[in-house]
Structure formats: C-alpha cells, structure tokens
Amino acid sequence: MSASLALTHLVPLAKEVDENKVTPGVLGFIVFAVMALAVWGLMKSMSKHMQKVDFKETPAPGAESGTTADDPKAQHG
C-alpha cells in the first residue's frame, strides 16, 4: 500500500523534469561502465590472490608443547 502511495507522489515529479538540465549522457554511462568493469576485474584478481595465501601458522623451530619464549608462565614455572 505504501509503495503505491510513493509511486503516486513520484509520477508528478517525473513530469516536472526540466529539459534544459544537464544529464550525464552517454559519456557518463561509458565512464561508469568502464569503472564498474575495472572494479570487477580487481575483485576477481584479489580473490585469486587470496586463495593462494596460506593462513596456517607454522610452529617456530624449537618450540615445545605450545610454549614460547615470550610466554611469562613458561619462564617462571
């Protein structure tokens, strides 16, 4: 019900569009489309690079049973 009410308010606004106003036109559409394709390509490339990343941390050599030299409990017992 509210959608039809909003539509009835927007229809008169569409008729009041001034023909002398500047619009983006075809050049604006082409620039927007090129930017959208560039973002899509960058996202695809980023996704491919992120799949190559290994998130598993390897344990440090010499570390025993999960304690490290930075752990204060390991030093004081």
N, C-alpha and C. Protein backbone atom coordinates (compact mmCIF):
# COMPACT_ATOMS: atom_id res chain seq x y z
N MET A 1 0.83 -1.19 0.00
CA MET A 1 0.00 0.00 0.00
C MET A 1 0.87 1.25 0.00
N SER A 2 1.92 1.27 0.78
CA SER A 2 2.78 2.44 0.84
C SER A 2 3.58 2.61 -0.45
N ALA A 3 3.86 1.50 -1.16
CA ALA A 3 4.59 1.59 -2.42
C ALA A 3 3.75 2.31 -3.47
N SER A 4 2.46 2.02 -3.50
CA SER A 4 1.60 2.70 -4.47
C SER A 4 1.43 4.18 -4.11
N LEU A 5 1.43 4.48 -2.81
CA LEU A 5 1.35 5.88 -2.39
C LEU A 5 2.61 6.64 -2.78
N ALA A 6 3.77 6.01 -2.62
CA ALA A 6 5.02 6.65 -3.01
C ALA A 6 5.08 6.83 -4.52
N LEU A 7 4.56 5.86 -5.26
CA LEU A 7 4.57 5.95 -6.72
C LEU A 7 3.67 7.08 -7.20
N THR A 8 2.55 7.29 -6.55
CA THR A 8 1.66 8.38 -6.97
C THR A 8 2.29 9.74 -6.70
N HIS A 9 3.19 9.82 -5.70
CA HIS A 9 3.88 11.09 -5.44
C HIS A 9 5.05 11.30 -6.40
N LEU A 10 5.64 10.22 -6.90
CA LEU A 10 6.79 10.34 -7.79
C LEU A 10 6.38 10.61 -9.24
N VAL A 11 5.20 10.20 -9.65
CA VAL A 11 4.77 10.40 -11.03
C VAL A 11 4.68 11.89 -11.37
N PRO A 12 4.10 12.74 -10.53
CA PRO A 12 4.10 14.16 -10.88
C PRO A 12 5.50 14.76 -10.90
N LEU A 13 6.42 14.25 -10.08
CA LEU A 13 7.79 14.76 -10.09
C LEU A 13 8.48 14.43 -11.40
N ALA A 14 8.17 13.29 -11.98
CA ALA A 14 8.79 12.91 -13.24
C ALA A 14 8.34 13.82 -14.37
N LYS A 15 7.13 14.33 -14.28
CA LYS A 15 6.63 15.24 -15.31
C LYS A 15 7.24 16.63 -15.18
N GLU A 16 7.77 16.96 -13.99
CA GLU A 16 8.34 18.28 -13.76
C GLU A 16 9.82 18.37 -14.11
N VAL A 17 10.39 17.34 -14.76
CA VAL A 17 11.80 17.36 -15.11
C VAL A 17 12.05 18.45 -16.13
N ASP A 18 13.04 19.27 -15.85
CA ASP A 18 13.38 20.37 -16.76
C ASP A 18 14.21 19.84 -17.91
N GLU A 19 13.83 20.13 -19.12
CA GLU A 19 14.53 19.64 -20.30
C GLU A 19 15.87 20.35 -20.49
N ASN A 20 16.11 21.48 -19.84
CA ASN A 20 17.35 22.22 -20.01
C ASN A 20 18.43 21.83 -19.00
N LYS A 21 18.14 20.87 -18.13
CA LYS A 21 19.13 20.44 -17.15
C LYS A 21 20.18 19.55 -17.80
N VAL A 22 21.39 19.62 -17.27
CA VAL A 22 22.48 18.80 -17.77
C VAL A 22 22.36 17.40 -17.19
N THR A 23 22.52 16.39 -18.03
CA THR A 23 22.46 14.99 -17.61
C THR A 23 23.80 14.33 -17.94
N PRO A 24 24.11 13.21 -17.31
CA PRO A 24 25.39 12.55 -17.59
C PRO A 24 25.53 12.08 -19.04
N GLY A 25 24.47 11.64 -19.63
CA GLY A 25 24.50 11.25 -21.02
C GLY A 25 25.27 9.96 -21.27
N VAL A 26 25.61 9.75 -22.54
CA VAL A 26 26.26 8.53 -22.97
C VAL A 26 27.69 8.47 -22.42
N LEU A 27 28.40 9.58 -22.41
CA LEU A 27 29.77 9.59 -21.91
C LEU A 27 29.81 9.22 -20.43
N GLY A 28 28.87 9.72 -19.64
CA GLY A 28 28.80 9.36 -18.23
C GLY A 28 28.54 7.88 -18.04
N PHE A 29 27.68 7.32 -18.88
CA PHE A 29 27.40 5.88 -18.80
C PHE A 29 28.64 5.06 -19.16
N ILE A 30 29.36 5.48 -20.19
CA ILE A 30 30.55 4.75 -20.61
C ILE A 30 31.61 4.79 -19.52
N VAL A 31 31.82 5.96 -18.91
CA VAL A 31 32.81 6.08 -17.83
C VAL A 31 32.40 5.20 -16.65
N PHE A 32 31.13 5.21 -16.29
CA PHE A 32 30.65 4.39 -15.19
C PHE A 32 30.82 2.90 -15.50
N ALA A 33 30.53 2.50 -16.73
CA ALA A 33 30.65 1.10 -17.12
C ALA A 33 32.11 0.66 -17.09
N VAL A 34 33.02 1.51 -17.55
CA VAL A 34 34.44 1.17 -17.52
C VAL A 34 34.93 1.04 -16.09
N MET A 35 34.49 1.94 -15.22
CA MET A 35 34.88 1.86 -13.81
C MET A 35 34.32 0.59 -13.16
N ALA A 36 33.09 0.22 -13.49
CA ALA A 36 32.49 -0.99 -12.94
C ALA A 36 33.25 -2.22 -13.40
N LEU A 37 33.64 -2.26 -14.67
CA LEU A 37 34.42 -3.39 -15.17
C LEU A 37 35.80 -3.45 -14.51
N ALA A 38 36.41 -2.30 -14.26
CA ALA A 38 37.71 -2.28 -13.59
C ALA A 38 37.60 -2.81 -12.17
N VAL A 39 36.57 -2.41 -11.45
CA VAL A 39 36.38 -2.89 -10.08
C VAL A 39 36.12 -4.39 -10.09
N TRP A 40 35.33 -4.86 -11.03
CA TRP A 40 35.06 -6.30 -11.14
C TRP A 40 36.35 -7.06 -11.40
N GLY A 41 37.19 -6.56 -12.30
CA GLY A 41 38.46 -7.22 -12.59
C GLY A 41 39.39 -7.23 -11.38
N LEU A 42 39.44 -6.12 -10.66
CA LEU A 42 40.28 -6.05 -9.46
C LEU A 42 39.79 -7.02 -8.39
N MET A 43 38.49 -7.12 -8.21
CA MET A 43 37.94 -8.04 -7.21
C MET A 43 38.24 -9.49 -7.60
N LYS A 44 38.14 -9.81 -8.88
CA LYS A 44 38.43 -11.16 -9.34
C LYS A 44 39.91 -11.49 -9.12
N SER A 45 40.78 -10.53 -9.41
CA SER A 45 42.21 -10.73 -9.21
C SER A 45 42.53 -10.89 -7.73
N MET A 46 41.91 -10.06 -6.89
CA MET A 46 42.15 -10.15 -5.46
C MET A 46 41.69 -11.51 -4.92
N SER A 47 40.57 -11.98 -5.40
CA SER A 47 40.06 -13.27 -4.96
C SER A 47 41.04 -14.39 -5.34
N LYS A 48 41.60 -14.31 -6.54
CA LYS A 48 42.55 -15.32 -6.98
C LYS A 48 43.81 -15.29 -6.11
N HIS A 49 44.29 -14.09 -5.78
CA HIS A 49 45.48 -13.96 -4.94
C HIS A 49 45.21 -14.40 -3.51
N MET A 50 44.03 -14.14 -3.00
CA MET A 50 43.71 -14.52 -1.62
C MET A 50 43.60 -16.04 -1.48
N GLN A 51 43.24 -16.74 -2.55
CA GLN A 51 43.17 -18.19 -2.49
C GLN A 51 44.56 -18.81 -2.38
N LYS A 52 45.59 -18.09 -2.81
CA LYS A 52 46.95 -18.60 -2.74
C LYS A 52 47.57 -18.43 -1.36
N VAL A 53 46.98 -17.60 -0.51
CA VAL A 53 47.55 -17.30 0.80
C VAL A 53 47.29 -18.48 1.74
N ASP A 54 48.34 -18.88 2.46
CA ASP A 54 48.23 -19.95 3.44
C ASP A 54 48.09 -19.32 4.81
N PHE A 55 46.95 -19.48 5.44
CA PHE A 55 46.67 -18.84 6.72
C PHE A 55 47.13 -19.67 7.92
N LYS A 56 47.60 -20.90 7.68
CA LYS A 56 48.03 -21.74 8.79
C LYS A 56 49.41 -21.29 9.25
N GLU A 57 49.54 -21.06 10.55
CA GLU A 57 50.81 -20.62 11.10
C GLU A 57 51.66 -21.83 11.43
N THR A 58 52.88 -21.85 10.96
CA THR A 58 53.78 -22.96 11.26
C THR A 58 54.43 -22.71 12.61
N PRO A 59 54.60 -23.76 13.41
CA PRO A 59 55.23 -23.56 14.72
C PRO A 59 56.69 -23.19 14.57
N ALA A 60 57.18 -22.39 15.50
CA ALA A 60 58.57 -21.95 15.47
C ALA A 60 59.47 -23.15 15.78
N PRO A 61 60.64 -23.24 15.15
CA PRO A 61 61.54 -24.35 15.45
C PRO A 61 62.05 -24.25 16.89
N GLY A 62 62.03 -25.36 17.59
CA GLY A 62 62.49 -25.37 18.98
C GLY A 62 61.38 -25.14 19.98
N ALA A 63 60.19 -24.78 19.53
CA ALA A 63 59.08 -24.58 20.46
C ALA A 63 58.51 -25.94 20.86
N GLU A 64 58.34 -26.15 22.15
CA GLU A 64 57.85 -27.45 22.63
C GLU A 64 56.51 -27.28 23.33
N SER A 65 55.62 -28.13 23.07
CA SER A 65 54.30 -28.23 23.70
C SER A 65 53.54 -26.91 23.78
N GLY A 66 53.66 -26.09 22.76
CA GLY A 66 52.86 -24.87 22.67
C GLY A 66 53.37 -23.70 23.49
N THR A 67 54.48 -23.77 24.15
CA THR A 67 55.00 -22.63 24.90
C THR A 67 56.07 -21.93 24.08
N THR A 68 56.14 -20.63 24.23
CA THR A 68 57.13 -19.85 23.52
C THR A 68 57.98 -19.08 24.52
N ALA A 69 59.03 -18.45 24.05
CA ALA A 69 59.92 -17.69 24.92
C ALA A 69 59.24 -16.43 25.43
N ASP A 70 58.21 -15.96 24.73
CA ASP A 70 57.50 -14.75 25.14
C ASP A 70 56.47 -15.03 26.22
N ASP A 71 56.21 -16.28 26.50
CA ASP A 71 55.19 -16.65 27.48
C ASP A 71 55.76 -16.51 28.89
N PRO A 72 55.24 -15.60 29.74
CA PRO A 72 55.79 -15.40 31.08
C PRO A 72 55.62 -16.62 31.96
N LYS A 73 54.58 -17.43 31.79
CA LYS A 73 54.38 -18.62 32.60
C LYS A 73 55.44 -19.67 32.32
N ALA A 74 55.93 -19.71 31.08
CA ALA A 74 56.95 -20.69 30.74
C ALA A 74 58.27 -20.36 31.42
N GLN A 75 58.54 -19.09 31.66
CA GLN A 75 59.80 -18.70 32.27
C GLN A 75 59.77 -18.90 33.79
N HIS A 76 58.61 -18.66 34.42
CA HIS A 76 58.53 -18.71 35.87
C HIS A 76 57.97 -20.04 36.39
N GLY A 77 57.62 -20.93 35.54
CA GLY A 77 57.20 -22.25 36.01
C GLY A 77 55.75 -22.32 36.14
